[in-house]
Amino acid sequence: KAILWSLITLLQNGVLPYNTQQFHMQLPHAQAQAVWQLFVERNVGIELEVFQQKQSHMALFSVFSDGSHRELLFSIESSARTNQLFLKFRTQKGSIKTYTLSAPLSDGKWHRIIFALSGDQIQLSENCHQLVSKLDFDLHFQQEPHLHMFIGEKNHHRKQSQGHMREFSADAGNPTFEKCPSLDLTLASPVVTSVEETSTTTQLPLLYAQTTFASELAERKDSLRDQTAFNQILEHIAFVEDQVKHWGAVIRSYDLRLKTVELHQRGCQIDGRIISFGQKQQNLLNCTECQCSSSGEVFCAAIGCPHLMCEHPIKRFGQCCPECGKECLYNGEYYPNGHEFWPKTCVRCTCQDGRMECQFHQTHECQKLDCYHQETPPNQCCPVCAGEDFCEQKNPCHENAECSNSKYGPKCTCKPGFFGNGTLCYDIDECLWDESAREQLGGCKTGTVCINLPGSFKCDCLPGFRKLDDRNCLDVIRV
């Protein structure tokens, strides 16, 4: 379980900005051992939120061994005087290795600091800006049966620590990418490392007694000075490499975007003619159309038509899309075009585009049937086969229709994305939907151009946009 303390109630006098009360907490033994075990397992994330007074230096999180000489094992310190964070840990040789990182700690704002250790990889970020992420093979964390772990600086000399902390958490795993999904990887300045040869001792007070620190600096060997200078050169090289990688990625991103825009501007070539992205070219002789997609692909199919709600649309001569025929008036009642009914025995009437045509049938004209079950529907003259698999015997439906068996014959229904009477089906052009229809039926929306397909459609992104989902595209240039 995560170890999480909200320090607001514990440090009521140290939360408000510019209040100079100290903050400090020593973790109980059980919790300290639980957190340190995460360090030993090389799988720990430390998260702090601090506010620091100007010209102040604080120890945010520190761990010491127990014994006559309390040795520093790990610490995160911050300085508003120099605007720097210090990450310190003990190496296998007993030396203290320090990472010095630049961060704007004196800006009078709260700062969320996240440290993560995963194997030999260390990562430290401040307000979702990555300060360091690298492999370090000097890391050394071993079991410590007795240790002291502090949140905030131990005030041994009763000097007031000018700073405030309102959240601290420690848990397994790396919380960086959960808390910072858009982590800024650009390094503003190089990382400086240094190594202190002697083991750092303390008496629970401040992290290191100033006299001890001064003597350690004086006793540092020439070889360590050379090693520190060499490490600094390596850090500068790593910084330059990171910058080259970052700007290389930026350039590649803009190059890809430029090529995409150029592709949009080129359009598509159809029959020796260039048409722009989203444009259609229709052939009214065979009622087909071709449309240019954003990828440069050309989609050709039958011309899509507005969706008509009538059951029997008719296509007039010289037109590619049908229309609803005229209604018929019969005995004071209106009937839609194509409607067929039997008003009297052996009399069949059909509405033909505003004109009702009725025919009288005679029984001797009936065809001979070879089926076992035969019935004569109401008012009809001739018997028909009943309960047969009409779709299997003879399917009269259009290729874009589905056949189902009714009692007296097959029933044809146009498939989704098409309309008509089933024996003739037309493609619905979903790109002709108005805004209300797009909202209700799920048409193309923000940053897209609609491409009509047989029985369906797809939404292509406009130049400079990136696909968000099947119906929306995001303006990546503004983002």
Foldseek 3Di string as FASTA:
>chain_A
DKDKDFCCVVPVQQADPPRQAFDKDKDPPVVVQVQLVLVVVQFKKKKWKKAFAAQFKKWQKWKWADDPWTFTAWTWIAGNPQQWIWTWGAFPLQKIKIKIWHHNRHPRDIKMWMWTTHPQWIWIDIPLETGDTDGDPRRDRDDGSDMIMMRMFAAPVPDTGGMHIRIIMMDGHGCNCVVRVPRHDQHPDFMAMAIQNHTATDDSHGPGDPVVVVVSVVPDDPVRVVVRVVVRVVRVVVNVVSVVVVVVVVVVVVVVLVVLVVLQVQWEADPNDHDGALDKDADLVVQKIWHTHSVRDIAIDHHADADDPDQAWDCDPSGRDTDFAAWEADPNDTDGAQDWDQPAAQKIWGHHRHDIDIDGDALVPEDDDDDDAWDAPPSYRYIAHFPDPQCVVDNLFDPQWDWDDDGRHIATAGDAQWGHNGNDIGGHFPQPDDPVCCVVVVAADEQWRWADDGNGIFTGGDRQWADPDGRYTHNNVVD
